[in-house]
């Protein structure tokens, strides 16, 4: 039995998304899709606003944590 074939472009997108999540870079495209599907009444932040908000949420409290 053969494994299903996955187009290379889709596989590459998934690999990039996974790498970004591993290093803590938020996925703007996923956010936009989520907002349009689940919260159409709410405005979608620009990429710069989204990135700033995610970084503030990640490093809230005045710096990084250790252990």
PDB file of N, CA and C in Angstrom:
ATOM      1  N   UNK A   1       0.846  -1.182   0.000  1.00  0.00           N
ATOM      2  CA  UNK A   1       0.000   0.000   0.000  1.00  0.00           C
ATOM      3  C   UNK A   1       0.883   1.233   0.000  1.00  0.00           C
ATOM      4  N   UNK A   2       0.595   2.160  -0.885  1.00  0.00           N
ATOM      5  CA  UNK A   2       1.393   3.371  -1.012  1.00  0.00           C
ATOM      6  C   UNK A   2       0.852   4.484  -0.134  1.00  0.00           C
ATOM      7  N   UNK A   3       1.749   5.298   0.369  1.00  0.00           N
ATOM      8  CA  UNK A   3       1.351   6.478   1.137  1.00  0.00           C
ATOM      9  C   UNK A   3       0.766   7.520   0.181  1.00  0.00           C
ATOM     10  N   UNK A   4      -0.182   8.318   0.658  1.00  0.00           N
ATOM     11  CA  UNK A   4      -0.744   9.341  -0.221  1.00  0.00           C
ATOM     12  C   UNK A   4       0.324  10.356  -0.625  1.00  0.00           C
ATOM     13  N   UNK A   5       0.216  10.845  -1.843  1.00  0.00           N
ATOM     14  CA  UNK A   5       1.186  11.810  -2.345  1.00  0.00           C
ATOM     15  C   UNK A   5       0.784  13.212  -1.903  1.00  0.00           C
ATOM     16  N   UNK A   6       1.742  13.916  -1.369  1.00  0.00           N
ATOM     17  CA  UNK A   6       1.520  15.288  -0.924  1.00  0.00           C
ATOM     18  C   UNK A   6       2.288  16.204  -1.867  1.00  0.00           C
ATOM     19  N   UNK A   7       1.611  17.185  -2.458  1.00  0.00           N
ATOM     20  CA  UNK A   7       2.340  18.107  -3.333  1.00  0.00           C
ATOM     21  C   UNK A   7       3.479  18.795  -2.567  1.00  0.00           C
ATOM     22  N   UNK A   8       4.604  18.975  -3.248  1.00  0.00           N
ATOM     23  CA  UNK A   8       5.785  19.557  -2.607  1.00  0.00           C
ATOM     24  C   UNK A   8       5.516  20.940  -2.043  1.00  0.00           C
ATOM     25  N   UNK A   9       4.715  21.752  -2.727  1.00  0.00           N
ATOM     26  CA  UNK A   9       4.445  23.108  -2.244  1.00  0.00           C
ATOM     27  C   UNK A   9       3.738  23.062  -0.895  1.00  0.00           C
ATOM     28  N   UNK A  10       2.779  22.183  -0.749  1.00  0.00           N
ATOM     29  CA  UNK A  10       2.057  22.066   0.515  1.00  0.00           C
ATOM     30  C   UNK A  10       2.975  21.529   1.622  1.00  0.00           C
ATOM     31  N   UNK A  11       3.791  20.561   1.277  1.00  0.00           N
ATOM     32  CA  UNK A  11       4.743  20.022   2.233  1.00  0.00           C
ATOM     33  C   UNK A  11       5.715  21.112   2.690  1.00  0.00           C
ATOM     34  N   UNK A  12       6.195  21.914   1.744  1.00  0.00           N
ATOM     35  CA  UNK A  12       7.108  23.008   2.086  1.00  0.00           C
ATOM     36  C   UNK A  12       6.417  24.013   3.007  1.00  0.00           C
ATOM     37  N   UNK A  13       5.167  24.386   2.709  1.00  0.00           N
ATOM     38  CA  UNK A  13       4.416  25.320   3.555  1.00  0.00           C
ATOM     39  C   UNK A  13       4.314  24.801   4.976  1.00  0.00           C
ATOM     40  N   UNK A  14       4.013  23.539   5.120  1.00  0.00           N
ATOM     41  CA  UNK A  14       3.894  22.933   6.448  1.00  0.00           C
ATOM     42  C   UNK A  14       5.232  22.938   7.187  1.00  0.00           C
ATOM     43  N   UNK A  15       6.310  22.653   6.467  1.00  0.00           N
ATOM     44  CA  UNK A  15       7.638  22.654   7.079  1.00  0.00           C
ATOM     45  C   UNK A  15       8.016  24.053   7.554  1.00  0.00           C
ATOM     46  N   UNK A  16       7.741  25.059   6.739  1.00  0.00           N
ATOM     47  CA  UNK A  16       8.033  26.446   7.110  1.00  0.00           C
ATOM     48  C   UNK A  16       7.185  26.851   8.314  1.00  0.00           C
ATOM     49  N   UNK A  17       5.905  26.529   8.296  1.00  0.00           N
ATOM     50  CA  UNK A  17       5.019  26.861   9.411  1.00  0.00           C
ATOM     51  C   UNK A  17       5.509  26.192  10.702  1.00  0.00           C
ATOM     52  N   UNK A  18       5.891  24.942  10.625  1.00  0.00           N
ATOM     53  CA  UNK A  18       6.381  24.225  11.797  1.00  0.00           C
ATOM     54  C   UNK A  18       7.665  24.865  12.327  1.00  0.00           C
ATOM     55  N   UNK A  19       8.580  25.200  11.428  1.00  0.00           N
ATOM     56  CA  UNK A  19       9.834  25.831  11.854  1.00  0.00           C
ATOM     57  C   UNK A  19       9.570  27.170  12.534  1.00  0.00           C
ATOM     58  N   UNK A  20       8.665  27.949  11.973  1.00  0.00           N
ATOM     59  CA  UNK A  20       8.337  29.247  12.580  1.00  0.00           C
ATOM     60  C   UNK A  20       7.747  29.069  13.968  1.00  0.00           C
ATOM     61  N   UNK A  21       6.872  28.109  14.124  1.00  0.00           N
ATOM     62  CA  UNK A  21       6.270  27.869  15.433  1.00  0.00           C
ATOM     63  C   UNK A  21       7.317  27.407  16.444  1.00  0.00           C
ATOM     64  N   UNK A  22       8.266  26.607  15.993  1.00  0.00           N
ATOM     65  CA  UNK A  22       9.311  26.116  16.888  1.00  0.00           C
ATOM     66  C   UNK A  22      10.196  27.236  17.425  1.00  0.00           C
ATOM     67  N   UNK A  23      10.456  28.237  16.585  1.00  0.00           N
ATOM     68  CA  UNK A  23      11.319  29.330  17.031  1.00  0.00           C
ATOM     69  C   UNK A  23      10.520  30.517  17.554  1.00  0.00           C
ATOM     70  N   UNK A  24       9.208  30.405  17.557  1.00  0.00           N
ATOM     71  CA  UNK A  24       8.379  31.433  18.168  1.00  0.00           C
ATOM     72  C   UNK A  24       7.914  32.541  17.261  1.00  0.00           C
ATOM     73  N   UNK A  25       8.001  32.364  15.958  1.00  0.00           N
ATOM     74  CA  UNK A  25       7.503  33.374  15.028  1.00  0.00           C
ATOM     75  C   UNK A  25       6.039  33.058  14.744  1.00  0.00           C
ATOM     76  N   UNK A  26       5.136  33.990  15.042  1.00  0.00           N
ATOM     77  CA  UNK A  26       3.711  33.724  14.838  1.00  0.00           C
ATOM     78  C   UNK A  26       3.359  33.620  13.361  1.00  0.00           C
ATOM     79  N   UNK A  27       2.308  32.874  13.064  1.00  0.00           N
ATOM     80  CA  UNK A  27       1.872  32.647  11.687  1.00  0.00           C
ATOM     81  C   UNK A  27       0.717  33.586  11.340  1.00  0.00           C
ATOM     82  N   UNK A  28       1.034  34.656  10.630  1.00  0.00           N
ATOM     83  CA  UNK A  28       0.050  35.680  10.296  1.00  0.00           C
ATOM     84  C   UNK A  28      -1.054  35.129   9.391  1.00  0.00           C
ATOM     85  N   UNK A  29      -0.702  34.318   8.415  1.00  0.00           N
ATOM     86  CA  UNK A  29      -1.704  33.783   7.487  1.00  0.00           C
ATOM     87  C   UNK A  29      -2.755  32.946   8.217  1.00  0.00           C
ATOM     88  N   UNK A  30      -2.327  32.159   9.187  1.00  0.00           N
ATOM     89  CA  UNK A  30      -3.269  31.359   9.977  1.00  0.00           C
ATOM     90  C   UNK A  30      -4.179  32.270  10.787  1.00  0.00           C
ATOM     91  N   UNK A  31      -3.616  33.325  11.348  1.00  0.00           N
ATOM     92  CA  UNK A  31      -4.405  34.303  12.107  1.00  0.00           C
ATOM     93  C   UNK A  31      -5.470  34.948  11.222  1.00  0.00           C
ATOM     94  N   UNK A  32      -5.081  35.402  10.036  1.00  0.00           N
ATOM     95  CA  UNK A  32      -6.028  36.058   9.119  1.00  0.00           C
ATOM     96  C   UNK A  32      -7.155  35.102   8.744  1.00  0.00           C
ATOM     97  N   UNK A  33      -6.806  33.874   8.408  1.00  0.00           N
ATOM     98  CA  UNK A  33      -7.824  32.881   8.046  1.00  0.00           C
ATOM     99  C   UNK A  33      -8.781  32.635   9.217  1.00  0.00           C
ATOM    100  N   UNK A  34      -8.227  32.491  10.420  1.00  0.00           N
ATOM    101  CA  UNK A  34      -9.051  32.278  11.612  1.00  0.00           C
ATOM    102  C   UNK A  34     -10.008  33.449  11.827  1.00  0.00           C
ATOM    103  N   UNK A  35      -9.502  34.670  11.736  1.00  0.00           N
ATOM    104  CA  UNK A  35     -10.338  35.852  11.969  1.00  0.00           C
ATOM    105  C   UNK A  35     -11.457  35.944  10.940  1.00  0.00           C
ATOM    106  N   UNK A  36     -11.157  35.672   9.697  1.00  0.00           N
ATOM    107  CA  UNK A  36     -12.176  35.765   8.640  1.00  0.00           C
ATOM    108  C   UNK A  36     -13.246  34.687   8.781  1.00  0.00           C
ATOM    109  N   UNK A  37     -12.838  33.495   9.232  1.00  0.00           N
ATOM    110  CA  UNK A  37     -13.803  32.404   9.380  1.00  0.00           C
ATOM    111  C   UNK A  37     -14.597  32.488  10.678  1.00  0.00           C
ATOM    112  N   UNK A  38     -13.930  32.778  11.777  1.00  0.00           N
ATOM    113  CA  UNK A  38     -14.557  32.702  13.101  1.00  0.00           C
ATOM    114  C   UNK A  38     -15.044  34.033  13.661  1.00  0.00           C
ATOM    115  N   UNK A  39     -14.424  35.123  13.229  1.00  0.00           N
ATOM    116  CA  UNK A  39     -14.767  36.445  13.774  1.00  0.00           C
ATOM    117  C   UNK A  39     -14.879  37.490  12.670  1.00  0.00           C
ATOM    118  N   UNK A  40     -15.774  37.291  11.703  1.00  0.00           N
ATOM    119  CA  UNK A  40     -15.851  38.217  10.561  1.00  0.00           C
ATOM    120  C   UNK A  40     -16.243  39.645  10.952  1.00  0.00           C
ATOM    121  N   UNK A  41     -16.849  39.808  12.122  1.00  0.00           N
ATOM    122  CA  UNK A  41     -17.277  41.144  12.558  1.00  0.00           C
ATOM    123  C   UNK A  41     -16.118  41.959  13.130  1.00  0.00           C
ATOM    124  N   UNK A  42     -15.009  41.311  13.441  1.00  0.00           N
ATOM    125  CA  UNK A  42     -13.867  41.996  14.048  1.00  0.00           C
ATOM    126  C   UNK A  42     -12.836  42.365  12.985  1.00  0.00           C
ATOM    127  N   UNK A  43     -12.164  43.509  13.160  1.00  0.00           N
ATOM    128  CA  UNK A  43     -11.139  43.896  12.176  1.00  0.00           C
ATOM    129  C   UNK A  43      -9.903  43.003  12.293  1.00  0.00           C
ATOM    130  N   UNK A  44      -9.228  42.812  11.170  1.00  0.00           N
ATOM    131  CA  UNK A  44      -8.009  42.017  11.132  1.00  0.00           C
ATOM    132  C   UNK A  44      -6.820  42.966  11.287  1.00  0.00           C
ATOM    133  N   UNK A  45      -5.917  42.652  12.225  1.00  0.00           N
ATOM    134  CA  UNK A  45      -4.733  43.483  12.432  1.00  0.00           C
ATOM    135  C   UNK A  45      -3.801  43.396  11.230  1.00  0.00           C
ATOM    136  N   UNK A  46      -3.040  44.462  11.007  1.00  0.00           N
ATOM    137  CA  UNK A  46      -2.002  44.416   9.985  1.00  0.00           C
ATOM    138  C   UNK A  46      -0.904  43.470  10.471  1.00  0.00           C
ATOM    139  N   UNK A  47       0.011  43.102   9.579  1.00  0.00           N
ATOM    140  CA  UNK A  47       1.093  42.207   9.981  1.00  0.00           C
ATOM    141  C   UNK A  47       1.918  42.835  11.103  1.00  0.00           C
ATOM    142  N   UNK A  48       2.219  44.127  10.974  1.00  0.00           N
ATOM    143  CA  UNK A  48       3.029  44.810  11.997  1.00  0.00           C
ATOM    144  C   UNK A  48       2.315  44.801  13.352  1.00  0.00           C
ATOM    145  N   UNK A  49       1.014  45.096  13.355  1.00  0.00           N
ATOM    146  CA  UNK A  49       0.244  45.078  14.604  1.00  0.00           C
ATOM    147  C   UNK A  49       0.220  43.676  15.197  1.00  0.00           C
ATOM    148  N   UNK A  50      -0.014  42.683  14.359  1.00  0.00           N
ATOM    149  CA  UNK A  50      -0.064  41.294  14.801  1.00  0.00           C
ATOM    150  C   UNK A  50       1.271  40.874  15.410  1.00  0.00           C
ATOM    151  N   UNK A  51       2.367  41.183  14.725  1.00  0.00           N
ATOM    152  CA  UNK A  51       3.687  40.797  15.203  1.00  0.00           C
ATOM    153  C   UNK A  51       3.992  41.463  16.540  1.00  0.00           C
ATOM    154  N   UNK A  52       3.710  42.771  16.646  1.00  0.00           N
ATOM    155  CA  UNK A  52       3.938  43.484  17.911  1.00  0.00           C
ATOM    156  C   UNK A  52       3.119  42.881  19.048  1.00  0.00           C
ATOM    157  N   UNK A  53       1.856  42.590  18.784  1.00  0.00           N
ATOM    158  CA  UNK A  53       0.979  42.025  19.809  1.00  0.00           C
ATOM    159  C   UNK A  53       1.488  40.665  20.269  1.00  0.00           C
ATOM    160  N   UNK A  54       1.923  39.830  19.332  1.00  0.00           N
ATOM    161  CA  UNK A  54       2.432  38.499  19.673  1.00  0.00           C
ATOM    162  C   UNK A  54       3.732  38.587  20.479  1.00  0.00           C
ATOM    163  N   UNK A  55       4.607  39.516  20.096  1.00  0.00           N
ATOM    164  CA  UNK A  55       5.865  39.667  20.829  1.00  0.00           C
ATOM    165  C   UNK A  55       5.610  40.200  22.240  1.00  0.00           C
ATOM    166  N   UNK A  56       4.672  41.124  22.381  1.00  0.00           N
ATOM    167  CA  UNK A  56       4.328  41.626  23.715  1.00  0.00           C
ATOM    168  C   UNK A  56       3.749  40.503  24.571  1.00  0.00           C
ATOM    169  N   UNK A  57       2.892  39.687  23.988  1.00  0.00           N
ATOM    170  CA  UNK A  57       2.303  38.570  24.726  1.00  0.00           C
ATOM    171  C   UNK A  57       3.381  37.562  25.135  1.00  0.00           C
ATOM    172  N   UNK A  58       4.344  37.362  24.278  1.00  0.00           N
ATOM    173  CA  UNK A  58       5.395  36.381  24.564  1.00  0.00           C
ATOM    174  C   UNK A  58       6.348  36.874  25.651  1.00  0.00           C
ATOM    175  N   UNK A  59       6.688  38.156  25.605  1.00  0.00           N
ATOM    176  CA  UNK A  59       7.700  38.682  26.519  1.00  0.00           C
ATOM    177  C   UNK A  59       7.117  39.612  27.572  1.00  0.00           C
ATOM    178  N   UNK A  60       5.850  39.488  27.847  1.00  0.00           N
ATOM    179  CA  UNK A  60       5.197  40.318  28.841  1.00  0.00           C
ATOM    180  C   UNK A  60       5.884  40.145  30.196  1.00  0.00           C
ATOM    181  N   UNK A  61       5.974  41.206  30.943  1.00  0.00           N
ATOM    182  CA  UNK A  61       6.569  41.111  32.261  1.00  0.00           C
ATOM    183  C   UNK A  61       8.015  41.571  32.304  1.00  0.00           C
ATOM    184  N   UNK A  62       8.503  42.207  31.250  1.00  0.00           N
ATOM    185  CA  UNK A  62       9.812  42.822  31.320  1.00  0.00           C
ATOM    186  C   UNK A  62      10.990  41.928  30.975  1.00  0.00           C
ATOM    187  N   UNK A  63      10.799  40.963  30.139  1.00  0.00           N
ATOM    188  CA  UNK A  63      11.955  40.196  29.709  1.00  0.00           C
ATOM    189  C   UNK A  63      11.687  38.705  29.625  1.00  0.00           C
ATOM    190  N   UNK A  64      12.681  38.013  29.221  1.00  0.00           N
ATOM    191  CA  UNK A  64      12.559  36.571  29.062  1.00  0.00           C
ATOM    192  C   UNK A  64      12.635  35.844  30.394  1.00  0.00           C
ATOM    193  N   UNK A  65      12.282  34.598  30.345  1.00  0.00           N
ATOM    194  CA  UNK A  65      12.332  33.758  31.553  1.00  0.00           C
ATOM    195  C   UNK A  65      13.491  32.797  31.423  1.00  0.00           C
ATOM    196  N   UNK A  66      13.952  32.375  32.531  1.00  0.00           N
ATOM    197  CA  UNK A  66      14.966  31.333  32.533  1.00  0.00           C
ATOM    198  C   UNK A  66      14.407  30.121  33.275  1.00  0.00           C
ATOM    199  N   UNK A  67      14.435  29.012  32.635  1.00  0.00           N
ATOM    200  CA  UNK A  67      13.975  27.752  33.226  1.00  0.00           C
ATOM    201  C   UNK A  67      12.542  27.883  33.643  1.00  0.00           C
TER     202      UNK A  67
END
